[in-house]
Every structure is written in C-alpha cells, then in structure tokens.
Amino acid sequence: MSKKILVVEDDVLVAELLINNIESLGCRTLIAYDGETGWELAKKEKPDLIIQDIGLPRMDGITLCKLIKSKDGTKQIPVIMLTGKRMVADMEDAFKAGADAYVNKPFDWDRMLSHIRKILGPDV
C-alpha cells in the first residue's frame, strides 16, 4: 500500500515540486495551502507524513505542528518542517513543537528524500 504524504505549503511552485517528486516515488499526496486546511486534512486523512512550511497563512506552521503532536488522533504523524527561516531560534521552536526534521529552503531533493526515507523506510 502506498504511503500518504500531506504537503502544507503556501508557495504553489514549491508545493508542485514536492508533489511531483513525492508522486514519482509512488506515494499519494494531499495538498493544503494554509495551516487551517492542513490541520483539517491531518485529522481527516491521517497521512503517514506531513511536510510543512512554518510561514503559513491562517495558522502558522509552529502552531500547526503543536496541534498535530498534541492530539491523540494525529500525534504519531511525523512532521518535516520545510522553511526559509534560517535562525537557530526558528529551528529550536520547530523541534520544541514536535517536528521530526527541519529542512531549509531552497532545498536539495536528495536531502529531503533521505529525511522521507528515514521516517517512512527505505522502500519509499
């Protein structure tokens, strides 16, 4: 059964790049362009992994990650933060919120893929 990955990203080009690369692995993708929609999809769809931005409209990524990691129905879902924020404090905030990995934009697909495989297994 293919893995389901939720991408929460407000930059359409970055979202499309992620979706195309993820689907080429044989995974199913879901997309949300804001934090509130991402939260609704996380609760409803229970993806195997969430890749999300920090700077999101309608609910920032730190708040979204805290929600995901604090609720019984979603707390087991791994989260990769993908962000243009490069301050150490931003990274610390992401990990305090429960993020499993942190990737800076612009990102290298091979590095992102290694994080995905570390979380979902080498067969992805």
PDB file of N, CA and C in Angstrom:
ATOM      1  N   MET A   1       0.846  -1.187   0.000  1.00  0.00           N
ATOM      2  CA  MET A   1       0.000   0.000   0.000  1.00  0.00           C
ATOM      3  C   MET A   1       0.883   1.239   0.000  1.00  0.00           C
ATOM      4  N   SER A   2       0.572   2.188  -0.865  1.00  0.00           N
ATOM      5  CA  SER A   2       1.421   3.367  -0.963  1.00  0.00           C
ATOM      6  C   SER A   2       1.215   4.290   0.235  1.00  0.00           C
ATOM      7  N   LYS A   3       2.268   4.993   0.583  1.00  0.00           N
ATOM      8  CA  LYS A   3       2.241   5.931   1.698  1.00  0.00           C
ATOM      9  C   LYS A   3       1.511   7.197   1.270  1.00  0.00           C
ATOM     10  N   LYS A   4       0.905   7.851   2.249  1.00  0.00           N
ATOM     11  CA  LYS A   4       0.166   9.090   2.008  1.00  0.00           C
ATOM     12  C   LYS A   4       0.921  10.227   2.682  1.00  0.00           C
ATOM     13  N   ILE A   5       1.266  11.249   1.899  1.00  0.00           N
ATOM     14  CA  ILE A   5       2.030  12.389   2.415  1.00  0.00           C
ATOM     15  C   ILE A   5       1.234  13.669   2.202  1.00  0.00           C
ATOM     16  N   LEU A   6       1.068  14.420   3.283  1.00  0.00           N
ATOM     17  CA  LEU A   6       0.392  15.714   3.239  1.00  0.00           C
ATOM     18  C   LEU A   6       1.446  16.808   3.124  1.00  0.00           C
ATOM     19  N   VAL A   7       1.313  17.649   2.098  1.00  0.00           N
ATOM     20  CA  VAL A   7       2.180  18.805   1.909  1.00  0.00           C
ATOM     21  C   VAL A   7       1.367  20.041   2.289  1.00  0.00           C
ATOM     22  N   VAL A   8       1.877  20.824   3.249  1.00  0.00           N
ATOM     23  CA  VAL A   8       1.228  22.072   3.660  1.00  0.00           C
ATOM     24  C   VAL A   8       2.201  23.193   3.316  1.00  0.00           C
ATOM     25  N   GLU A   9       1.936  23.862   2.210  1.00  0.00           N
ATOM     26  CA  GLU A   9       2.880  24.836   1.648  1.00  0.00           C
ATOM     27  C   GLU A   9       2.094  25.889   0.879  1.00  0.00           C
ATOM     28  N   ASP A  10       2.319  27.166   1.215  1.00  0.00           N
ATOM     29  CA  ASP A  10       1.585  28.232   0.533  1.00  0.00           C
ATOM     30  C   ASP A  10       2.241  28.696  -0.757  1.00  0.00           C
ATOM     31  N   ASP A  11       3.474  28.315  -1.014  1.00  0.00           N
ATOM     32  CA  ASP A  11       4.150  28.648  -2.270  1.00  0.00           C
ATOM     33  C   ASP A  11       3.799  27.558  -3.288  1.00  0.00           C
ATOM     34  N   VAL A  12       2.997  27.925  -4.286  1.00  0.00           N
ATOM     35  CA  VAL A  12       2.473  26.956  -5.254  1.00  0.00           C
ATOM     36  C   VAL A  12       3.597  26.227  -5.984  1.00  0.00           C
ATOM     37  N   LEU A  13       4.666  26.938  -6.353  1.00  0.00           N
ATOM     38  CA  LEU A  13       5.764  26.289  -7.077  1.00  0.00           C
ATOM     39  C   LEU A  13       6.482  25.251  -6.214  1.00  0.00           C
ATOM     40  N   VAL A  14       6.731  25.585  -4.969  1.00  0.00           N
ATOM     41  CA  VAL A  14       7.371  24.636  -4.053  1.00  0.00           C
ATOM     42  C   VAL A  14       6.451  23.439  -3.832  1.00  0.00           C
ATOM     43  N   ALA A  15       5.157  23.701  -3.654  1.00  0.00           N
ATOM     44  CA  ALA A  15       4.189  22.625  -3.449  1.00  0.00           C
ATOM     45  C   ALA A  15       4.173  21.681  -4.657  1.00  0.00           C
ATOM     46  N   GLU A  16       4.150  22.242  -5.868  1.00  0.00           N
ATOM     47  CA  GLU A  16       4.133  21.411  -7.075  1.00  0.00           C
ATOM     48  C   GLU A  16       5.411  20.593  -7.214  1.00  0.00           C
ATOM     49  N   LEU A  17       6.544  21.186  -6.899  1.00  0.00           N
ATOM     50  CA  LEU A  17       7.818  20.466  -6.946  1.00  0.00           C
ATOM     51  C   LEU A  17       7.797  19.283  -5.979  1.00  0.00           C
ATOM     52  N   LEU A  18       7.333  19.526  -4.762  1.00  0.00           N
ATOM     53  CA  LEU A  18       7.242  18.448  -3.781  1.00  0.00           C
ATOM     54  C   LEU A  18       6.287  17.356  -4.245  1.00  0.00           C
ATOM     55  N   ILE A  19       5.120  17.746  -4.696  1.00  0.00           N
ATOM     56  CA  ILE A  19       4.114  16.773  -5.130  1.00  0.00           C
ATOM     57  C   ILE A  19       4.651  15.913  -6.271  1.00  0.00           C
ATOM     58  N   ASN A  20       5.258  16.543  -7.275  1.00  0.00           N
ATOM     59  CA  ASN A  20       5.794  15.791  -8.419  1.00  0.00           C
ATOM     60  C   ASN A  20       6.859  14.793  -7.976  1.00  0.00           C
ATOM     61  N   ASN A  21       7.766  15.232  -7.115  1.00  0.00           N
ATOM     62  CA  ASN A  21       8.833  14.344  -6.642  1.00  0.00           C
ATOM     63  C   ASN A  21       8.284  13.222  -5.761  1.00  0.00           C
ATOM     64  N   ILE A  22       7.350  13.548  -4.884  1.00  0.00           N
ATOM     65  CA  ILE A  22       6.778  12.545  -3.988  1.00  0.00           C
ATOM     66  C   ILE A  22       5.983  11.510  -4.783  1.00  0.00           C
ATOM     67  N   GLU A  23       5.190  11.973  -5.734  1.00  0.00           N
ATOM     68  CA  GLU A  23       4.392  11.041  -6.528  1.00  0.00           C
ATOM     69  C   GLU A  23       5.265  10.153  -7.407  1.00  0.00           C
ATOM     70  N   SER A  24       6.446  10.650  -7.799  1.00  0.00           N
ATOM     71  CA  SER A  24       7.360   9.814  -8.587  1.00  0.00           C
ATOM     72  C   SER A  24       7.893   8.637  -7.762  1.00  0.00           C
ATOM     73  N   LEU A  25       7.767   8.728  -6.429  1.00  0.00           N
ATOM     74  CA  LEU A  25       8.166   7.632  -5.544  1.00  0.00           C
ATOM     75  C   LEU A  25       7.054   6.595  -5.386  1.00  0.00           C
ATOM     76  N   GLY A  26       5.886   6.912  -5.927  1.00  0.00           N
ATOM     77  CA  GLY A  26       4.744   6.016  -5.784  1.00  0.00           C
ATOM     78  C   GLY A  26       3.884   6.331  -4.579  1.00  0.00           C
ATOM     79  N   CYS A  27       4.124   7.460  -3.938  1.00  0.00           N
ATOM     80  CA  CYS A  27       3.325   7.869  -2.783  1.00  0.00           C
ATOM     81  C   CYS A  27       2.129   8.701  -3.245  1.00  0.00           C
ATOM     82  N   ARG A  28       1.094   8.683  -2.429  1.00  0.00           N
ATOM     83  CA  ARG A  28      -0.083   9.518  -2.672  1.00  0.00           C
ATOM     84  C   ARG A  28       0.127  10.845  -1.948  1.00  0.00           C
ATOM     85  N   THR A  29      -0.273  11.952  -2.582  1.00  0.00           N
ATOM     86  CA  THR A  29      -0.095  13.254  -1.940  1.00  0.00           C
ATOM     87  C   THR A  29      -1.426  13.946  -1.707  1.00  0.00           C
ATOM     88  N   LEU A  30      -1.427  14.732  -0.659  1.00  0.00           N
ATOM     89  CA  LEU A  30      -2.519  15.641  -0.347  1.00  0.00           C
ATOM     90  C   LEU A  30      -1.882  17.015  -0.239  1.00  0.00           C
ATOM     91  N   ILE A  31      -2.616  18.072  -0.565  1.00  0.00           N
ATOM     92  CA  ILE A  31      -2.049  19.420  -0.514  1.00  0.00           C
ATOM     93  C   ILE A  31      -2.976  20.360   0.246  1.00  0.00           C
ATOM     94  N   ALA A  32      -2.364  21.206   1.054  1.00  0.00           N
ATOM     95  CA  ALA A  32      -3.059  22.300   1.721  1.00  0.00           C
ATOM     96  C   ALA A  32      -2.185  23.535   1.548  1.00  0.00           C
ATOM     97  N   TYR A  33      -2.799  24.667   1.276  1.00  0.00           N
ATOM     98  CA  TYR A  33      -2.051  25.903   1.054  1.00  0.00           C
ATOM     99  C   TYR A  33      -2.090  26.835   2.264  1.00  0.00           C
ATOM    100  N   ASP A  34      -2.695  26.383   3.375  1.00  0.00           N
ATOM    101  CA  ASP A  34      -2.702  27.173   4.608  1.00  0.00           C
ATOM    102  C   ASP A  34      -2.769  26.214   5.793  1.00  0.00           C
ATOM    103  N   GLY A  35      -2.446  26.729   6.960  1.00  0.00           N
ATOM    104  CA  GLY A  35      -2.367  25.897   8.152  1.00  0.00           C
ATOM    105  C   GLY A  35      -3.695  25.301   8.596  1.00  0.00           C
ATOM    106  N   GLU A  36      -4.780  26.064   8.502  1.00  0.00           N
ATOM    107  CA  GLU A  36      -6.081  25.544   8.934  1.00  0.00           C
ATOM    108  C   GLU A  36      -6.521  24.360   8.067  1.00  0.00           C
ATOM    109  N   THR A  37      -6.348  24.485   6.753  1.00  0.00           N
ATOM    110  CA  THR A  37      -6.697  23.381   5.857  1.00  0.00           C
ATOM    111  C   THR A  37      -5.783  22.191   6.119  1.00  0.00           C
ATOM    112  N   GLY A  38      -4.507  22.465   6.390  1.00  0.00           N
ATOM    113  CA  GLY A  38      -3.576  21.400   6.728  1.00  0.00           C
ATOM    114  C   GLY A  38      -4.021  20.644   7.972  1.00  0.00           C
ATOM    115  N   TRP A  39      -4.478  21.360   8.983  1.00  0.00           N
ATOM    116  CA  TRP A  39      -4.956  20.735  10.213  1.00  0.00           C
ATOM    117  C   TRP A  39      -6.178  19.864   9.931  1.00  0.00           C
ATOM    118  N   GLU A  40      -7.129  20.384   9.155  1.00  0.00           N
ATOM    119  CA  GLU A  40      -8.334  19.612   8.822  1.00  0.00           C
ATOM    120  C   GLU A  40      -7.974  18.332   8.065  1.00  0.00           C
ATOM    121  N   LEU A  41      -7.056  18.429   7.106  1.00  0.00           N
ATOM    122  CA  LEU A  41      -6.640  17.243   6.340  1.00  0.00           C
ATOM    123  C   LEU A  41      -5.873  16.250   7.211  1.00  0.00           C
ATOM    124  N   ALA A  42      -5.048  16.762   8.112  1.00  0.00           N
ATOM    125  CA  ALA A  42      -4.297  15.869   9.010  1.00  0.00           C
ATOM    126  C   ALA A  42      -5.258  15.046   9.866  1.00  0.00           C
ATOM    127  N   LYS A  43      -6.295  15.689  10.409  1.00  0.00           N
ATOM    128  CA  LYS A  43      -7.274  14.988  11.243  1.00  0.00           C
ATOM    129  C   LYS A  43      -8.086  13.992  10.425  1.00  0.00           C
ATOM    130  N   LYS A  44      -8.498  14.396   9.250  1.00  0.00           N
ATOM    131  CA  LYS A  44      -9.391  13.564   8.428  1.00  0.00           C
ATOM    132  C   LYS A  44      -8.656  12.420   7.740  1.00  0.00           C
ATOM    133  N   GLU A  45      -7.502  12.714   7.157  1.00  0.00           N
ATOM    134  CA  GLU A  45      -6.815  11.754   6.289  1.00  0.00           C
ATOM    135  C   GLU A  45      -5.761  10.902   6.999  1.00  0.00           C
ATOM    136  N   LYS A  46      -5.269  11.353   8.164  1.00  0.00           N
ATOM    137  CA  LYS A  46      -4.229  10.627   8.911  1.00  0.00           C
ATOM    138  C   LYS A  46      -3.066  10.207   8.000  1.00  0.00           C
ATOM    139  N   PRO A  47      -2.373  11.185   7.403  1.00  0.00           N
ATOM    140  CA  PRO A  47      -1.276  10.836   6.489  1.00  0.00           C
ATOM    141  C   PRO A  47      -0.128  10.137   7.219  1.00  0.00           C
ATOM    142  N   ASP A  48       0.723   9.477   6.454  1.00  0.00           N
ATOM    143  CA  ASP A  48       1.893   8.802   7.009  1.00  0.00           C
ATOM    144  C   ASP A  48       3.009   9.791   7.336  1.00  0.00           C
ATOM    145  N   LEU A  49       2.958  10.969   6.717  1.00  0.00           N
ATOM    146  CA  LEU A  49       3.974  12.006   6.896  1.00  0.00           C
ATOM    147  C   LEU A  49       3.380  13.344   6.496  1.00  0.00           C
ATOM    148  N   ILE A  50       3.807  14.401   7.195  1.00  0.00           N
ATOM    149  CA  ILE A  50       3.438  15.769   6.822  1.00  0.00           C
ATOM    150  C   ILE A  50       4.715  16.542   6.562  1.00  0.00           C
ATOM    151  N   ILE A  51       4.775  17.197   5.404  1.00  0.00           N
ATOM    152  CA  ILE A  51       5.869  18.123   5.084  1.00  0.00           C
ATOM    153  C   ILE A  51       5.223  19.494   5.055  1.00  0.00           C
ATOM    154  N   GLN A  52       5.694  20.395   5.917  1.00  0.00           N
ATOM    155  CA  GLN A  52       5.013  21.682   6.044  1.00  0.00           C
ATOM    156  C   GLN A  52       5.974  22.847   6.216  1.00  0.00           C
ATOM    157  N   ASP A  53       5.496  23.979   5.742  1.00  0.00           N
ATOM    158  CA  ASP A  53       6.200  25.244   5.894  1.00  0.00           C
ATOM    159  C   ASP A  53       5.935  25.783   7.303  1.00  0.00           C
ATOM    160  N   ILE A  54       6.754  26.724   7.741  1.00  0.00           N
ATOM    161  CA  ILE A  54       6.485  27.409   9.010  1.00  0.00           C
ATOM    162  C   ILE A  54       5.617  28.639   8.755  1.00  0.00           C
ATOM    163  N   GLY A  55       5.974  29.419   7.726  1.00  0.00           N
ATOM    164  CA  GLY A  55       5.257  30.657   7.432  1.00  0.00           C
ATOM    165  C   GLY A  55       4.028  30.406   6.589  1.00  0.00           C
ATOM    166  N   LEU A  56       2.945  29.991   7.240  1.00  0.00           N
ATOM    167  CA  LEU A  56       1.710  29.677   6.534  1.00  0.00           C
ATOM    168  C   LEU A  56       0.618  30.687   6.867  1.00  0.00           C
ATOM    169  N   PRO A  57      -0.286  30.958   5.920  1.00  0.00           N
ATOM    170  CA  PRO A  57      -1.447  31.796   6.243  1.00  0.00           C
ATOM    171  C   PRO A  57      -2.470  31.008   7.067  1.00  0.00           C
ATOM    172  N   ARG A  58      -3.316  31.718   7.781  1.00  0.00           N
ATOM    173  CA  ARG A  58      -4.453  31.203   8.543  1.00  0.00           C
ATOM    174  C   ARG A  58      -4.078  30.368   9.759  1.00  0.00           C
ATOM    175  N   MET A  59      -2.869  29.867   9.850  1.00  0.00           N
ATOM    176  CA  MET A  59      -2.327  29.225  11.052  1.00  0.00           C
ATOM    177  C   MET A  59      -0.863  28.945  10.747  1.00  0.00           C
ATOM    178  N   ASP A  60       0.018  29.485  11.565  1.00  0.00           N
ATOM    179  CA  ASP A  60       1.449  29.300  11.276  1.00  0.00           C
ATOM    180  C   ASP A  60       1.858  27.848  11.513  1.00  0.00           C
ATOM    181  N   GLY A  61       2.990  27.476  10.931  1.00  0.00           N
ATOM    182  CA  GLY A  61       3.452  26.094  10.974  1.00  0.00           C
ATOM    183  C   GLY A  61       3.825  25.596  12.357  1.00  0.00           C
ATOM    184  N   ILE A  62       4.311  26.466  13.220  1.00  0.00           N
ATOM    185  CA  ILE A  62       4.652  26.058  14.584  1.00  0.00           C
ATOM    186  C   ILE A  62       3.376  25.668  15.330  1.00  0.00           C
ATOM    187  N   THR A  63       2.344  26.493  15.218  1.00  0.00           N
ATOM    188  CA  THR A  63       1.056  26.191  15.846  1.00  0.00           C
ATOM    189  C   THR A  63       0.480  24.904  15.273  1.00  0.00           C
ATOM    190  N   LEU A  64       0.549  24.743  13.964  1.00  0.00           N
ATOM    191  CA  LEU A  64       0.048  23.537  13.317  1.00  0.00           C
ATOM    192  C   LEU A  64       0.783  22.301  13.836  1.00  0.00           C
ATOM    193  N   CYS A  65       2.094  22.367  13.918  1.00  0.00           N
ATOM    194  CA  CYS A  65       2.878  21.234  14.406  1.00  0.00           C
ATOM    195  C   CYS A  65       2.516  20.907  15.855  1.00  0.00           C
ATOM    196  N   LYS A  66       2.367  21.928  16.700  1.00  0.00           N
ATOM    197  CA  LYS A  66       1.972  21.702  18.094  1.00  0.00           C
ATOM    198  C   LYS A  66       0.623  21.001  18.179  1.00  0.00           C
ATOM    199  N   LEU A  67      -0.325  21.433  17.342  1.00  0.00           N
ATOM    200  CA  LEU A  67      -1.645  20.794  17.325  1.00  0.00           C
ATOM    201  C   LEU A  67      -1.535  19.332  16.911  1.00  0.00           C
ATOM    202  N   ILE A  68      -0.821  19.094  15.819  1.00  0.00           N
ATOM    203  CA  ILE A  68      -0.659  17.729  15.311  1.00  0.00           C
ATOM    204  C   ILE A  68      -0.071  16.835  16.393  1.00  0.00           C
ATOM    205  N   LYS A  69       0.963  17.313  17.056  1.00  0.00           N
ATOM    206  CA  LYS A  69       1.686  16.496  18.033  1.00  0.00           C
ATOM    207  C   LYS A  69       0.989  16.402  19.395  1.00  0.00           C
ATOM    208  N   SER A  70      -0.068  17.169  19.613  1.00  0.00           N
ATOM    209  CA  SER A  70      -0.734  17.160  20.919  1.00  0.00           C
ATOM    210  C   SER A  70      -2.060  16.400  20.927  1.00  0.00           C
ATOM    211  N   LYS A  71      -2.561  16.011  19.786  1.00  0.00           N
ATOM    212  CA  LYS A  71      -3.873  15.354  19.713  1.00  0.00           C
ATOM    213  C   LYS A  71      -3.720  13.857  19.483  1.00  0.00           C
ATOM    214  N   ASP A  72      -4.528  13.074  20.171  1.00  0.00           N
ATOM    215  CA  ASP A  72      -4.433  11.613  20.102  1.00  0.00           C
ATOM    216  C   ASP A  72      -4.523  11.074  18.675  1.00  0.00           C
ATOM    217  N   GLY A  73      -5.386  11.629  17.862  1.00  0.00           N
ATOM    218  CA  GLY A  73      -5.575  11.107  16.513  1.00  0.00           C
ATOM    219  C   GLY A  73      -4.457  11.423  15.541  1.00  0.00           C
ATOM    220  N   THR A  74      -3.569  12.362  15.906  1.00  0.00           N
ATOM    221  CA  THR A  74      -2.538  12.802  14.959  1.00  0.00           C
ATOM    222  C   THR A  74      -1.124  12.811  15.527  1.00  0.00           C
ATOM    223  N   LYS A  75      -0.960  12.626  16.813  1.00  0.00           N
ATOM    224  CA  LYS A  75       0.365  12.835  17.417  1.00  0.00           C
ATOM    225  C   LYS A  75       1.437  11.875  16.914  1.00  0.00           C
ATOM    226  N   GLN A  76       1.033  10.747  16.326  1.00  0.00           N
ATOM    227  CA  GLN A  76       2.007   9.787  15.807  1.00  0.00           C
ATOM    228  C   GLN A  76       2.499  10.160  14.405  1.00  0.00           C
ATOM    229  N   ILE A  77       1.892  11.155  13.769  1.00  0.00           N
ATOM    230  CA  ILE A  77       2.269  11.519  12.402  1.00  0.00           C
ATOM    231  C   ILE A  77       3.585  12.294  12.424  1.00  0.00           C
ATOM    232  N   PRO A  78       4.607  11.820  11.709  1.00  0.00           N
ATOM    233  CA  PRO A  78       5.867  12.558  11.641  1.00  0.00           C
ATOM    234  C   PRO A  78       5.698  13.855  10.835  1.00  0.00           C
ATOM    235  N   VAL A  79       6.457  14.880  11.241  1.00  0.00           N
ATOM    236  CA  VAL A  79       6.398  16.183  10.585  1.00  0.00           C
ATOM    237  C   VAL A  79       7.802  16.606  10.171  1.00  0.00           C
ATOM    238  N   ILE A  80       7.953  16.955   8.894  1.00  0.00           N
ATOM    239  CA  ILE A  80       9.177  17.575   8.398  1.00  0.00           C
ATOM    240  C   ILE A  80       8.858  19.041   8.156  1.00  0.00           C
ATOM    241  N   MET A  81       9.575  19.926   8.835  1.00  0.00           N
ATOM    242  CA  MET A  81       9.430  21.359   8.606  1.00  0.00           C
ATOM    243  C   MET A  81      10.306  21.748   7.420  1.00  0.00           C
ATOM    244  N   LEU A  82       9.717  22.431   6.463  1.00  0.00           N
ATOM    245  CA  LEU A  82      10.432  22.917   5.277  1.00  0.00           C
ATOM    246  C   LEU A  82      10.239  24.419   5.268  1.00  0.00           C
ATOM    247  N   THR A  83      11.325  25.166   5.439  1.00  0.00           N
ATOM    248  CA  THR A  83      11.152  26.602   5.639  1.00  0.00           C
ATOM    249  C   THR A  83      12.334  27.420   5.156  1.00  0.00           C
ATOM    250  N   GLY A  84      12.064  28.659   4.861  1.00  0.00           N
ATOM    251  CA  GLY A  84      13.105  29.608   4.509  1.00  0.00           C
ATOM    252  C   GLY A  84      13.716  30.271   5.743  1.00  0.00           C
ATOM    253  N   LYS A  85      13.146  30.004   6.902  1.00  0.00           N
ATOM    254  CA  LYS A  85      13.653  30.594   8.152  1.00  0.00           C
ATOM    255  C   LYS A  85      14.954  29.898   8.537  1.00  0.00           C
ATOM    256  N   ARG A  86      15.996  30.680   8.743  1.00  0.00           N
ATOM    257  CA  ARG A  86      17.314  30.110   8.980  1.00  0.00           C
ATOM    258  C   ARG A  86      17.900  30.429  10.353  1.00  0.00           C
ATOM    259  N   MET A  87      17.132  31.075  11.186  1.00  0.00           N
ATOM    260  CA  MET A  87      17.630  31.403  12.513  1.00  0.00           C
ATOM    261  C   MET A  87      17.610  30.153  13.397  1.00  0.00           C
ATOM    262  N   VAL A  88      18.589  30.026  14.268  1.00  0.00           N
ATOM    263  CA  VAL A  88      18.654  28.883  15.178  1.00  0.00           C
ATOM    264  C   VAL A  88      17.386  28.824  16.035  1.00  0.00           C
ATOM    265  N   ALA A  89      16.881  29.981  16.436  1.00  0.00           N
ATOM    266  CA  ALA A  89      15.666  30.019  17.262  1.00  0.00           C
ATOM    267  C   ALA A  89      14.476  29.425  16.521  1.00  0.00           C
ATOM    268  N   ASP A  90      14.386  29.624  15.207  1.00  0.00           N
ATOM    269  CA  ASP A  90      13.295  29.046  14.421  1.00  0.00           C
ATOM    270  C   ASP A  90      13.384  27.523  14.429  1.00  0.00           C
ATOM    271  N   MET A  91      14.593  27.017  14.284  1.00  0.00           N
ATOM    272  CA  MET A  91      14.797  25.575  14.309  1.00  0.00           C
ATOM    273  C   MET A  91      14.452  25.019  15.692  1.00  0.00           C
ATOM    274  N   GLU A  92      14.892  25.704  16.730  1.00  0.00           N
ATOM    275  CA  GLU A  92      14.587  25.272  18.097  1.00  0.00           C
ATOM    276  C   GLU A  92      13.078  25.253  18.333  1.00  0.00           C
ATOM    277  N   ASP A  93      12.382  26.305  17.857  1.00  0.00           N
ATOM    278  CA  ASP A  93      10.926  26.367  18.009  1.00  0.00           C
ATOM    279  C   ASP A  93      10.255  25.200  17.295  1.00  0.00           C
ATOM    280  N   ALA A  94      10.756  24.856  16.112  1.00  0.00           N
ATOM    281  CA  ALA A  94      10.179  23.748  15.342  1.00  0.00           C
ATOM    282  C   ALA A  94      10.334  22.426  16.092  1.00  0.00           C
ATOM    283  N   PHE A  95      11.513  22.180  16.635  1.00  0.00           N
ATOM    284  CA  PHE A  95      11.734  20.929  17.361  1.00  0.00           C
ATOM    285  C   PHE A  95      10.963  20.911  18.686  1.00  0.00           C
ATOM    286  N   LYS A  96      10.849  22.060  19.354  1.00  0.00           N
ATOM    287  CA  LYS A  96      10.041  22.135  20.579  1.00  0.00           C
ATOM    288  C   LYS A  96       8.575  21.835  20.281  1.00  0.00           C
ATOM    289  N   ALA A  97       8.113  22.235  19.085  1.00  0.00           N
ATOM    290  CA  ALA A  97       6.725  21.985  18.675  1.00  0.00           C
ATOM    291  C   ALA A  97       6.494  20.527  18.323  1.00  0.00           C
ATOM    292  N   GLY A  98       7.586  19.769  18.131  1.00  0.00           N
ATOM    293  CA  GLY A  98       7.456  18.351  17.846  1.00  0.00           C
ATOM    294  C   GLY A  98       7.926  17.912  16.478  1.00  0.00           C
ATOM    295  N   ALA A  99       8.519  18.804  15.703  1.00  0.00           N
ATOM    296  CA  ALA A  99       8.989  18.435  14.365  1.00  0.00           C
ATOM    297  C   ALA A  99      10.002  17.293  14.438  1.00  0.00           C
ATOM    298  N   ASP A 100       9.933  16.411  13.463  1.00  0.00           N
ATOM    299  CA  ASP A 100      10.850  15.270  13.402  1.00  0.00           C
ATOM    300  C   ASP A 100      12.096  15.590  12.583  1.00  0.00           C
ATOM    301  N   ALA A 101      11.991  16.577  11.691  1.00  0.00           N
ATOM    302  CA  ALA A 101      13.130  17.003  10.869  1.00  0.00           C
ATOM    303  C   ALA A 101      12.900  18.443  10.447  1.00  0.00           C
ATOM    304  N   TYR A 102      13.987  19.115  10.046  1.00  0.00           N
ATOM    305  CA  TYR A 102      13.943  20.525   9.671  1.00  0.00           C
ATOM    306  C   TYR A 102      14.790  20.691   8.424  1.00  0.00           C
ATOM    307  N   VAL A 103      14.185  21.177   7.346  1.00  0.00           N
ATOM    308  CA  VAL A 103      14.891  21.356   6.072  1.00  0.00           C
ATOM    309  C   VAL A 103      14.728  22.803   5.630  1.00  0.00           C
ATOM    310  N   ASN A 104      15.853  23.432   5.284  1.00  0.00           N
ATOM    311  CA  ASN A 104      15.826  24.819   4.824  1.00  0.00           C
ATOM    312  C   ASN A 104      15.537  24.907   3.334  1.00  0.00           C
ATOM    313  N   LYS A 105      14.819  25.977   2.955  1.00  0.00           N
ATOM    314  CA  LYS A 105      14.621  26.326   1.542  1.00  0.00           C
ATOM    315  C   LYS A 105      15.744  27.279   1.155  1.00  0.00           C
ATOM    316  N   PRO A 106      16.197  27.254  -0.068  1.00  0.00           N
ATOM    317  CA  PRO A 106      15.862  26.257  -1.078  1.00  0.00           C
ATOM    318  C   PRO A 106      16.443  24.915  -0.660  1.00  0.00           C
ATOM    319  N   PHE A 107      15.723  23.843  -0.989  1.00  0.00           N
ATOM    320  CA  PHE A 107      16.138  22.534  -0.507  1.00  0.00           C
ATOM    321  C   PHE A 107      16.646  21.658  -1.647  1.00  0.00           C
ATOM    322  N   ASP A 108      17.477  20.726  -1.270  1.00  0.00           N
ATOM    323  CA  ASP A 108      18.014  19.734  -2.196  1.00  0.00           C
ATOM    324  C   ASP A 108      17.106  18.504  -2.095  1.00  0.00           C
ATOM    325  N   TRP A 109      16.567  18.029  -3.222  1.00  0.00           N
ATOM    326  CA  TRP A 109      15.638  16.914  -3.192  1.00  0.00           C
ATOM    327  C   TRP A 109      16.268  15.662  -2.565  1.00  0.00           C
ATOM    328  N   ASP A 110      17.541  15.395  -2.847  1.00  0.00           N
ATOM    329  CA  ASP A 110      18.186  14.210  -2.276  1.00  0.00           C
ATOM    330  C   ASP A 110      18.202  14.269  -0.748  1.00  0.00           C
ATOM    331  N   ARG A 111      18.427  15.444  -0.207  1.00  0.00           N
ATOM    332  CA  ARG A 111      18.405  15.602   1.256  1.00  0.00           C
ATOM    333  C   ARG A 111      16.993  15.386   1.791  1.00  0.00           C
ATOM    334  N   MET A 112      16.000  15.973   1.110  1.00  0.00           N
ATOM    335  CA  MET A 112      14.611  15.777   1.527  1.00  0.00           C
ATOM    336  C   MET A 112      14.241  14.294   1.446  1.00  0.00           C
ATOM    337  N   LEU A 113      14.651  13.646   0.373  1.00  0.00           N
ATOM    338  CA  LEU A 113      14.362  12.229   0.193  1.00  0.00           C
ATOM    339  C   LEU A 113      14.986  11.386   1.310  1.00  0.00           C
ATOM    340  N   SER A 114      16.177  11.750   1.738  1.00  0.00           N
ATOM    341  CA  SER A 114      16.803  10.989   2.825  1.00  0.00           C
ATOM    342  C   SER A 114      15.997  11.125   4.118  1.00  0.00           C
ATOM    343  N   HIS A 115      15.444  12.316   4.372  1.00  0.00           N
ATOM    344  CA  HIS A 115      14.586  12.500   5.553  1.00  0.00           C
ATOM    345  C   HIS A 115      13.310  11.671   5.410  1.00  0.00           C
ATOM    346  N   ILE A 116      12.698  11.693   4.226  1.00  0.00           N
ATOM    347  CA  ILE A 116      11.491  10.913   3.981  1.00  0.00           C
ATOM    348  C   ILE A 116      11.749   9.431   4.202  1.00  0.00           C
ATOM    349  N   ARG A 117      12.849   8.948   3.665  1.00  0.00           N
ATOM    350  CA  ARG A 117      13.171   7.516   3.800  1.00  0.00           C
ATOM    351  C   ARG A 117      13.540   7.135   5.231  1.00  0.00           C
ATOM    352  N   LYS A 118      14.161   8.061   5.951  1.00  0.00           N
ATOM    353  CA  LYS A 118      14.492   7.805   7.357  1.00  0.00           C
ATOM    354  C   LYS A 118      13.197   7.624   8.158  1.00  0.00           C
ATOM    355  N   ILE A 119      12.180   8.397   7.800  1.00  0.00           N
ATOM    356  CA  ILE A 119      10.912   8.354   8.526  1.00  0.00           C
ATOM    357  C   ILE A 119      10.009   7.209   8.039  1.00  0.00           C
ATOM    358  N   LEU A 120       9.883   7.063   6.722  1.00  0.00           N
ATOM    359  CA  LEU A 120       8.924   6.097   6.159  1.00  0.00           C
ATOM    360  C   LEU A 120       9.533   4.757   5.770  1.00  0.00           C
ATOM    361  N   GLY A 121      10.851   4.694   5.769  1.00  0.00           N
ATOM    362  CA  GLY A 121      11.507   3.444   5.405  1.00  0.00           C
ATOM    363  C   GLY A 121      12.173   3.523   4.044  1.00  0.00           C
ATOM    364  N   PRO A 122      13.151   2.659   3.796  1.00  0.00           N
ATOM    365  CA  PRO A 122      13.956   2.731   2.579  1.00  0.00           C
ATOM    366  C   PRO A 122      13.218   2.344   1.299  1.00  0.00           C
ATOM    367  N   ASP A 123      12.067   1.692   1.432  1.00  0.00           N
ATOM    368  CA  ASP A 123      11.330   1.268   0.248  1.00  0.00           C
ATOM    369  C   ASP A 123      10.565   2.392  -0.441  1.00  0.00           C
ATOM    370  N   VAL A 124      10.516   3.557   0.173  1.00  0.00           N
ATOM    371  CA  VAL A 124       9.799   4.685  -0.419  1.00  0.00           C
ATOM    372  C   VAL A 124      10.629   5.266  -1.536  1.00  0.00           C
TER     373      VAL A 124
END
